[in-house]
């Protein structure tokens, strides 16, 4: 029974993430519905817990109600693995961390940087972390090979895959990649999906040469001419453009979606054995999303500058 309650609470950490942002964005009616749906599972099961729920005001703010619900219960430590080194697209998670949305739900969360979605999925499937965030198509490929994981909530509904280069490298179409060196981490989702992109555009996937490197090394390698192109997510484009400008060059990206490969992108992962243990999913994450939607500068300011992990 203790183990079941533990599983129940671990699924509820993602309940610290998804519904409330939708409520913030969707309006007060959605807020009321989402809050009522999510309240009871956060409290767990059992007579004493059910009794305590009656003392929580139905019309109070979500964080206040959740904090009241957690009185007397120790914080549970949770490790949340990202798909990549933290940057702008991860702002909602750090907003949820810094504003205490997870703590309100009873979780002490540590956010850990990733090295690409494929690596994140492998680590999560092996049980190395409690929850994770990754690219959806990469997960589909992993699930076809036996990974017992599902996407519990999609955050980016349009494909972010892309490759990019400098205009000075004279790569004007995807076909110009033949024989070129492409910089990437091994588990990068855009690299994992490159064979599908290549097939759609008449390119032999084996005609390019992959140069393995850490994600932060891609920009410098491209500017120094050590690679001809890199794979990335479109959300990284402004960073590469700024780096190119610093050295007097010009950045150009090629979104996979513009060349026939437009798929759902990133979402929050849950292992199959945890699904169904909690009715509410992703509450605090959505509070973070709502905050960043309303206050973009404030949310971005919560991002770490050099840390590989952060704890609430």
Foldseek 3Di string as FASTA:
>chain_A
DVVLQVLLQLQCLLLLADQALCDLVVDVVSNLVQLVQAQLSLQPDDDVSVVQLVVADSPDDSLVSLQSSCPPPAAAEFEEEEFAFDAQVCLLVLLLFVVVSSVSSRYWYKYFGHQHQLRQLVCVLVVVGSWYKFWQVSVVVVVVVPRQKDFPWFDFFKFQKKKKFWVVLVDDDPQSQFQFEEEGAPRHPNLVCVCVLCVLVVHDNVRHHYDHDGVVCRLVCRLVVVGGMYIDGNVCVVVSQVSQVVVPTGMDMDGSVVRPDIGGTMGMMDGPVSPPSGSRGGNSNSVSVNCCVVPVVVSNVSDDDDDRMDID
